Amino acid sequence: MIAAVDHVQLAAPAGSEDALRAYYAGVLGMTEIPKPPTLAARGGCWFRAGPVQLHLGIEKDFRPAGKAHPGLRVTGIEAYAERLVAGGASAAWDDELPGHRRFFSYDPVGNRLEFLEGIRPCGPGG
């Protein structure tokens, strides 16, 4: 039985680790976590924010996926989008998912990321 998602792996081109660190740690505010030595020799880098882990692995002949992406829940989505834009990233808003505010952005190598926050419906009188 599946209990949880352990991590999401995205691909990246060789030599992109510094740009990935600047984006995932600097702009998104994630913490880099060490890769096991046997895997560190392959390049890439891993990041964590709370229970969420994103692994960036080096792929020969890398091409970012056009549609595939991780969906990351955030709090304070407006301020988070402003943080990304201030850090030089894009924030393309999309209102097609009922009950959510969300936007899409791209990391420095072209991986698509979705950021979303649920909207609480107003109760009676509110």
C-alpha atoms as a PDB file:
ATOM      1  CA  MET A   1       0.000   0.000   0.000  1.00  0.00           C
ATOM      2  CA  ILE A   2       1.364   3.443  -0.894  1.00  0.00           C
ATOM      3  CA  ALA A   3       1.706   5.611   2.207  1.00  0.00           C
ATOM      4  CA  ALA A   4       3.150   8.875   0.835  1.00  0.00           C
ATOM      5  CA  VAL A   5       5.256  10.419  -1.891  1.00  0.00           C
ATOM      6  CA  ASP A   6       8.886  10.272  -0.789  1.00  0.00           C
ATOM      7  CA  HIS A   7      10.247  12.721  -3.371  1.00  0.00           C
ATOM      8  CA  VAL A   8       9.836  14.038  -6.883  1.00  0.00           C
ATOM      9  CA  GLN A   9      12.777  13.797  -9.270  1.00  0.00           C
ATOM     10  CA  LEU A  10      13.299  16.387 -11.976  1.00  0.00           C
ATOM     11  CA  ALA A  11      16.039  16.296 -14.584  1.00  0.00           C
ATOM     12  CA  ALA A  12      18.658  18.941 -15.304  1.00  0.00           C
ATOM     13  CA  PRO A  13      21.631  19.363 -17.633  1.00  0.00           C
ATOM     14  CA  ALA A  14      25.210  18.792 -16.508  1.00  0.00           C
ATOM     15  CA  GLY A  15      26.818  21.822 -14.900  1.00  0.00           C
ATOM     16  CA  SER A  16      23.539  23.455 -13.805  1.00  0.00           C
ATOM     17  CA  GLU A  17      23.895  22.809 -10.062  1.00  0.00           C
ATOM     18  CA  ASP A  18      24.845  26.395  -9.120  1.00  0.00           C
ATOM     19  CA  ALA A  19      21.833  27.823 -10.978  1.00  0.00           C
ATOM     20  CA  LEU A  20      19.591  25.184  -9.376  1.00  0.00           C
ATOM     21  CA  ARG A  21      20.895  26.037  -5.900  1.00  0.00           C
ATOM     22  CA  ALA A  22      20.298  29.746  -6.515  1.00  0.00           C
ATOM     23  CA  TYR A  23      16.702  29.030  -7.537  1.00  0.00           C
ATOM     24  CA  TYR A  24      15.602  26.225  -5.204  1.00  0.00           C
ATOM     25  CA  ALA A  25      17.440  27.450  -2.097  1.00  0.00           C
ATOM     26  CA  GLY A  26      17.695  31.168  -2.815  1.00  0.00           C
ATOM     27  CA  VAL A  27      14.388  31.940  -4.543  1.00  0.00           C
ATOM     28  CA  LEU A  28      12.087  29.141  -3.335  1.00  0.00           C
ATOM     29  CA  GLY A  29      13.598  29.041   0.170  1.00  0.00           C
ATOM     30  CA  MET A  30      14.211  25.284   0.208  1.00  0.00           C
ATOM     31  CA  THR A  31      17.125  23.703   2.075  1.00  0.00           C
ATOM     32  CA  GLU A  32      19.710  21.699   0.175  1.00  0.00           C
ATOM     33  CA  ILE A  33      20.155  18.235   1.631  1.00  0.00           C
ATOM     34  CA  PRO A  34      23.250  16.114   1.065  1.00  0.00           C
ATOM     35  CA  LYS A  35      23.087  13.302  -1.432  1.00  0.00           C
ATOM     36  CA  PRO A  36      24.578   9.946  -0.400  1.00  0.00           C
ATOM     37  CA  PRO A  37      28.218   9.827  -1.589  1.00  0.00           C
ATOM     38  CA  THR A  38      27.544   7.139  -4.204  1.00  0.00           C
ATOM     39  CA  LEU A  39      24.799   9.286  -5.743  1.00  0.00           C
ATOM     40  CA  ALA A  40      26.615  12.611  -5.302  1.00  0.00           C
ATOM     41  CA  ALA A  41      29.223  11.439  -7.815  1.00  0.00           C
ATOM     42  CA  ARG A  42      26.511  11.606 -10.496  1.00  0.00           C
ATOM     43  CA  GLY A  43      25.969  15.343  -9.972  1.00  0.00           C
ATOM     44  CA  GLY A  44      22.685  17.092  -9.344  1.00  0.00           C
ATOM     45  CA  CYS A  45      21.311  18.257  -6.017  1.00  0.00           C
ATOM     46  CA  TRP A  46      18.467  17.563  -3.595  1.00  0.00           C
ATOM     47  CA  PHE A  47      16.259  20.025  -1.719  1.00  0.00           C
ATOM     48  CA  ARG A  48      13.716  19.888   1.095  1.00  0.00           C
ATOM     49  CA  ALA A  49      10.968  22.135   2.461  1.00  0.00           C
ATOM     50  CA  GLY A  50       9.196  20.455   5.377  1.00  0.00           C
ATOM     51  CA  PRO A  51       8.179  16.963   4.213  1.00  0.00           C
ATOM     52  CA  VAL A  52       8.578  17.867   0.507  1.00  0.00           C
ATOM     53  CA  GLN A  53      11.723  16.749  -1.308  1.00  0.00           C
ATOM     54  CA  LEU A  54      12.709  17.664  -4.853  1.00  0.00           C
ATOM     55  CA  HIS A  55      15.663  15.828  -6.376  1.00  0.00           C
ATOM     56  CA  LEU A  56      17.387  17.285  -9.423  1.00  0.00           C
ATOM     57  CA  GLY A  57      19.289  14.625 -11.329  1.00  0.00           C
ATOM     58  CA  ILE A  58      21.674  15.159 -14.206  1.00  0.00           C
ATOM     59  CA  GLU A  59      20.430  13.821 -17.521  1.00  0.00           C
ATOM     60  CA  LYS A  60      22.486  13.564 -20.688  1.00  0.00           C
ATOM     61  CA  ASP A  61      20.742  15.314 -23.607  1.00  0.00           C
ATOM     62  CA  PHE A  62      18.393  17.006 -21.115  1.00  0.00           C
ATOM     63  CA  ARG A  63      15.130  18.527 -22.356  1.00  0.00           C
ATOM     64  CA  PRO A  64      12.575  19.861 -19.889  1.00  0.00           C
ATOM     65  CA  ALA A  65       9.150  18.218 -19.944  1.00  0.00           C
ATOM     66  CA  GLY A  66       6.483  20.345 -21.573  1.00  0.00           C
ATOM     67  CA  LYS A  67       3.539  19.371 -19.380  1.00  0.00           C
ATOM     68  CA  ALA A  68       4.803  17.219 -16.480  1.00  0.00           C
ATOM     69  CA  HIS A  69       5.426  19.076 -13.221  1.00  0.00           C
ATOM     70  CA  PRO A  70       5.266  18.792  -9.444  1.00  0.00           C
ATOM     71  CA  GLY A  71       2.396  20.629  -7.752  1.00  0.00           C
ATOM     72  CA  LEU A  72       3.621  22.330  -4.578  1.00  0.00           C
ATOM     73  CA  ARG A  73       1.171  23.533  -1.919  1.00  0.00           C
ATOM     74  CA  VAL A  74       2.118  26.859  -0.404  1.00  0.00           C
ATOM     75  CA  THR A  75       0.696  29.254   2.156  1.00  0.00           C
ATOM     76  CA  GLY A  76       0.438  32.947   1.417  1.00  0.00           C
ATOM     77  CA  ILE A  77       0.472  32.351  -2.330  1.00  0.00           C
ATOM     78  CA  GLU A  78       0.360  36.034  -3.310  1.00  0.00           C
ATOM     79  CA  ALA A  79       3.470  36.827  -1.257  1.00  0.00           C
ATOM     80  CA  TYR A  80       5.149  33.645  -2.490  1.00  0.00           C
ATOM     81  CA  ALA A  81       4.547  34.643  -6.120  1.00  0.00           C
ATOM     82  CA  GLU A  82       6.001  38.082  -5.362  1.00  0.00           C
ATOM     83  CA  ARG A  83       9.068  36.369  -3.867  1.00  0.00           C
ATOM     84  CA  LEU A  84       9.602  34.380  -7.077  1.00  0.00           C
ATOM     85  CA  VAL A  85       9.192  37.402  -9.315  1.00  0.00           C
ATOM     86  CA  ALA A  86      11.588  39.431  -7.126  1.00  0.00           C
ATOM     87  CA  GLY A  87      14.071  36.561  -7.500  1.00  0.00           C
ATOM     88  CA  GLY A  88      13.867  36.773 -11.287  1.00  0.00           C
ATOM     89  CA  ALA A  89      11.412  33.912 -11.888  1.00  0.00           C
ATOM     90  CA  SER A  90       8.056  34.064 -13.623  1.00  0.00           C
ATOM     91  CA  ALA A  91       4.636  33.605 -12.038  1.00  0.00           C
ATOM     92  CA  ALA A  92       1.912  32.830 -14.588  1.00  0.00           C
ATOM     93  CA  TRP A  93      -1.444  32.798 -12.802  1.00  0.00           C
ATOM     94  CA  ASP A  94      -4.105  30.271 -13.764  1.00  0.00           C
ATOM     95  CA  ASP A  95      -7.682  30.271 -12.458  1.00  0.00           C
ATOM     96  CA  GLU A  96      -8.923  27.027 -13.969  1.00  0.00           C
ATOM     97  CA  LEU A  97      -8.675  24.814 -10.855  1.00  0.00           C
ATOM     98  CA  PRO A  98     -11.823  25.337  -8.752  1.00  0.00           C
ATOM     99  CA  GLY A  99     -11.228  26.036  -5.083  1.00  0.00           C
ATOM    100  CA  HIS A 100      -7.577  27.039  -5.572  1.00  0.00           C
ATOM    101  CA  ARG A 101      -5.322  29.966  -6.373  1.00  0.00           C
ATOM    102  CA  ARG A 102      -2.381  28.772  -8.426  1.00  0.00           C
ATOM    103  CA  PHE A 103       0.422  29.852 -10.685  1.00  0.00           C
ATOM    104  CA  PHE A 104       3.082  28.177 -12.776  1.00  0.00           C
ATOM    105  CA  SER A 105       6.775  29.002 -12.890  1.00  0.00           C
ATOM    106  CA  TYR A 106       9.922  27.539 -14.424  1.00  0.00           C
ATOM    107  CA  ASP A 107      13.251  26.752 -12.836  1.00  0.00           C
ATOM    108  CA  PRO A 108      16.477  27.960 -14.513  1.00  0.00           C
ATOM    109  CA  VAL A 109      16.691  24.861 -16.731  1.00  0.00           C
ATOM    110  CA  GLY A 110      13.054  24.951 -17.861  1.00  0.00           C
ATOM    111  CA  ASN A 111      11.337  22.534 -15.466  1.00  0.00           C
ATOM    112  CA  ARG A 112       7.704  23.550 -14.938  1.00  0.00           C
ATOM    113  CA  LEU A 113       6.487  23.961 -11.337  1.00  0.00           C
ATOM    114  CA  GLU A 114       2.944  24.519 -10.078  1.00  0.00           C
ATOM    115  CA  PHE A 115       2.309  26.399  -6.832  1.00  0.00           C
ATOM    116  CA  LEU A 116      -1.168  26.244  -5.329  1.00  0.00           C
ATOM    117  CA  GLU A 117      -3.152  27.180  -2.254  1.00  0.00           C
ATOM    118  CA  GLY A 118      -6.691  26.163  -1.423  1.00  0.00           C
ATOM    119  CA  ILE A 119      -9.371  28.820  -1.128  1.00  0.00           C
ATOM    120  CA  ARG A 120     -11.631  28.468   1.870  1.00  0.00           C
ATOM    121  CA  PRO A 121     -15.261  29.008   0.962  1.00  0.00           C
ATOM    122  CA  CYS A 122     -17.008  31.705   2.939  1.00  0.00           C
ATOM    123  CA  GLY A 123     -19.545  30.403   5.421  1.00  0.00           C
ATOM    124  CA  PRO A 124     -22.897  31.984   6.179  1.00  0.00           C
ATOM    125  CA  GLY A 125     -22.515  35.686   6.859  1.00  0.00           C
ATOM    126  CA  GLY A 126     -18.878  35.731   5.777  1.00  0.00           C
END
